[in-house]
Amino acid sequence: MQKTIERRMKRIADKIKELKERHGDNPGLTHTYHGGWRLGYWEGKLSVLEELLDEKEDE
């Protein structure tokens, strides 16, 4: 499970980097390619995975 979380974190971090490179570091960025999701969606998803990984490491 830990490796899965780490892979997802890397993929999402790459996605965030790609969006910032393509559209700039605009905090209100709307990424309309995926139904209008904002950059905050990806950053929030990454944050949740980081918390899961921390909990897994604490076990």
N, C-alpha and C. Protein backbone atom coordinates (compact mmCIF):
# COMPACT_ATOMS: atom_id res chain seq x y z
N MET A 1 0.82 -1.19 0.00
CA MET A 1 0.00 0.00 0.00
C MET A 1 0.87 1.26 0.00
N GLN A 2 1.97 1.22 0.71
CA GLN A 2 2.85 2.38 0.79
C GLN A 2 3.39 2.74 -0.59
N LYS A 3 3.79 1.75 -1.36
CA LYS A 3 4.32 2.02 -2.71
C LYS A 3 3.24 2.62 -3.61
N THR A 4 2.00 2.15 -3.45
CA THR A 4 0.89 2.70 -4.24
C THR A 4 0.68 4.17 -3.92
N ILE A 5 0.69 4.49 -2.64
CA ILE A 5 0.52 5.89 -2.22
C ILE A 5 1.65 6.74 -2.78
N GLU A 6 2.88 6.24 -2.69
CA GLU A 6 4.03 7.00 -3.20
C GLU A 6 3.93 7.21 -4.70
N ARG A 7 3.49 6.20 -5.45
CA ARG A 7 3.33 6.35 -6.90
C ARG A 7 2.27 7.40 -7.22
N ARG A 8 1.15 7.35 -6.50
CA ARG A 8 0.09 8.33 -6.73
C ARG A 8 0.57 9.74 -6.39
N MET A 9 1.32 9.86 -5.29
CA MET A 9 1.83 11.17 -4.91
C MET A 9 2.74 11.73 -5.99
N LYS A 10 3.61 10.89 -6.56
CA LYS A 10 4.51 11.35 -7.61
C LYS A 10 3.72 11.78 -8.85
N ARG A 11 2.72 10.99 -9.22
CA ARG A 11 1.93 11.32 -10.40
C ARG A 11 1.19 12.65 -10.21
N ILE A 12 0.63 12.86 -9.03
CA ILE A 12 -0.10 14.10 -8.77
C ILE A 12 0.85 15.29 -8.68
N ALA A 13 2.03 15.09 -8.04
CA ALA A 13 3.01 16.16 -7.97
C ALA A 13 3.47 16.56 -9.38
N ASP A 14 3.64 15.58 -10.25
CA ASP A 14 4.00 15.87 -11.65
C ASP A 14 2.88 16.65 -12.34
N LYS A 15 1.64 16.27 -12.06
CA LYS A 15 0.48 16.95 -12.65
C LYS A 15 0.44 18.41 -12.21
N ILE A 16 0.67 18.66 -10.92
CA ILE A 16 0.69 20.03 -10.39
C ILE A 16 1.80 20.83 -11.06
N LYS A 17 2.99 20.23 -11.17
CA LYS A 17 4.11 20.91 -11.80
C LYS A 17 3.79 21.25 -13.25
N GLU A 18 3.20 20.31 -13.97
CA GLU A 18 2.83 20.53 -15.37
C GLU A 18 1.83 21.68 -15.51
N LEU A 19 0.82 21.69 -14.63
CA LEU A 19 -0.19 22.75 -14.69
C LEU A 19 0.42 24.11 -14.40
N LYS A 20 1.30 24.18 -13.41
CA LYS A 20 1.93 25.45 -13.06
C LYS A 20 2.84 25.93 -14.18
N GLU A 21 3.54 24.99 -14.85
CA GLU A 21 4.40 25.39 -15.96
C GLU A 21 3.56 25.89 -17.14
N ARG A 22 2.45 25.23 -17.38
CA ARG A 22 1.61 25.57 -18.53
C ARG A 22 0.83 26.86 -18.30
N HIS A 23 0.32 27.07 -17.07
CA HIS A 23 -0.59 28.18 -16.80
C HIS A 23 -0.06 29.19 -15.80
N GLY A 24 1.12 28.99 -15.29
CA GLY A 24 1.66 29.89 -14.28
C GLY A 24 1.21 29.46 -12.89
N ASP A 25 1.72 30.12 -11.89
CA ASP A 25 1.42 29.77 -10.49
C ASP A 25 0.25 30.61 -9.99
N ASN A 26 -0.84 30.60 -10.72
CA ASN A 26 -2.03 31.36 -10.39
C ASN A 26 -2.87 30.56 -9.39
N PRO A 27 -3.07 31.06 -8.16
CA PRO A 27 -3.82 30.29 -7.15
C PRO A 27 -5.27 30.02 -7.53
N GLY A 28 -5.83 30.82 -8.42
CA GLY A 28 -7.22 30.61 -8.84
C GLY A 28 -7.33 29.84 -10.14
N LEU A 29 -6.25 29.17 -10.51
CA LEU A 29 -6.20 28.47 -11.79
C LEU A 29 -7.36 27.50 -11.94
N THR A 30 -8.07 27.64 -13.04
CA THR A 30 -9.13 26.69 -13.37
C THR A 30 -8.61 25.82 -14.51
N HIS A 31 -8.56 24.55 -14.27
CA HIS A 31 -8.07 23.61 -15.28
C HIS A 31 -9.28 22.97 -15.93
N THR A 32 -9.75 23.54 -17.01
CA THR A 32 -11.01 23.13 -17.60
C THR A 32 -10.93 21.84 -18.40
N TYR A 33 -9.75 21.28 -18.57
CA TYR A 33 -9.62 20.03 -19.32
C TYR A 33 -10.28 18.87 -18.58
N HIS A 34 -10.43 18.98 -17.27
CA HIS A 34 -11.04 17.93 -16.47
C HIS A 34 -12.29 18.45 -15.76
N GLY A 35 -13.23 18.92 -16.50
CA GLY A 35 -14.49 19.35 -15.92
C GLY A 35 -14.41 20.59 -15.06
N GLY A 36 -13.39 21.43 -15.27
CA GLY A 36 -13.30 22.68 -14.53
C GLY A 36 -12.67 22.56 -13.15
N TRP A 37 -12.00 21.45 -12.88
CA TRP A 37 -11.34 21.32 -11.58
C TRP A 37 -10.27 22.37 -11.45
N ARG A 38 -10.08 22.84 -10.24
CA ARG A 38 -9.07 23.85 -9.97
C ARG A 38 -7.76 23.16 -9.59
N LEU A 39 -6.69 23.90 -9.65
CA LEU A 39 -5.39 23.39 -9.22
C LEU A 39 -5.47 22.96 -7.76
N GLY A 40 -6.30 23.64 -6.97
CA GLY A 40 -6.46 23.29 -5.56
C GLY A 40 -6.95 21.87 -5.36
N TYR A 41 -7.70 21.34 -6.30
CA TYR A 41 -8.15 19.95 -6.24
C TYR A 41 -6.95 19.02 -6.20
N TRP A 42 -5.99 19.24 -7.10
CA TRP A 42 -4.81 18.37 -7.16
C TRP A 42 -3.94 18.55 -5.92
N GLU A 43 -3.78 19.79 -5.47
CA GLU A 43 -2.98 20.03 -4.27
C GLU A 43 -3.64 19.40 -3.05
N GLY A 44 -4.97 19.46 -2.97
CA GLY A 44 -5.69 18.83 -1.86
C GLY A 44 -5.55 17.32 -1.89
N LYS A 45 -5.63 16.74 -3.08
CA LYS A 45 -5.49 15.30 -3.23
C LYS A 45 -4.09 14.86 -2.80
N LEU A 46 -3.07 15.62 -3.17
CA LEU A 46 -1.71 15.33 -2.77
C LEU A 46 -1.57 15.40 -1.25
N SER A 47 -2.18 16.38 -0.64
CA SER A 47 -2.13 16.54 0.80
C SER A 47 -2.74 15.34 1.53
N VAL A 48 -3.85 14.85 1.04
CA VAL A 48 -4.50 13.68 1.65
C VAL A 48 -3.59 12.46 1.55
N LEU A 49 -2.97 12.26 0.40
CA LEU A 49 -2.07 11.12 0.23
C LEU A 49 -0.85 11.24 1.14
N GLU A 50 -0.34 12.46 1.33
CA GLU A 50 0.78 12.65 2.24
C GLU A 50 0.39 12.27 3.67
N GLU A 51 -0.82 12.63 4.08
CA GLU A 51 -1.30 12.27 5.42
C GLU A 51 -1.45 10.76 5.56
N LEU A 52 -1.98 10.11 4.53
CA LEU A 52 -2.11 8.65 4.57
C LEU A 52 -0.75 7.97 4.70
N LEU A 53 0.21 8.48 3.95
CA LEU A 53 1.56 7.92 4.02
C LEU A 53 2.16 8.11 5.41
N ASP A 54 1.95 9.28 6.01
CA ASP A 54 2.45 9.53 7.37
C ASP A 54 1.81 8.56 8.36
N GLU A 55 0.52 8.34 8.25
CA GLU A 55 -0.17 7.40 9.14
C GLU A 55 0.35 5.99 8.96
N LYS A 56 0.60 5.61 7.72
CA LYS A 56 1.10 4.27 7.43
C LYS A 56 2.49 4.08 8.02
N GLU A 57 3.32 5.11 7.95
CA GLU A 57 4.68 5.02 8.50
C GLU A 57 4.66 4.98 10.03
N ASP A 58 3.63 5.57 10.64
CA ASP A 58 3.54 5.58 12.11
C ASP A 58 3.08 4.23 12.67
N GLU A 59 2.51 3.39 11.83
CA GLU A 59 2.00 2.08 12.31
C GLU A 59 3.12 1.16 12.69
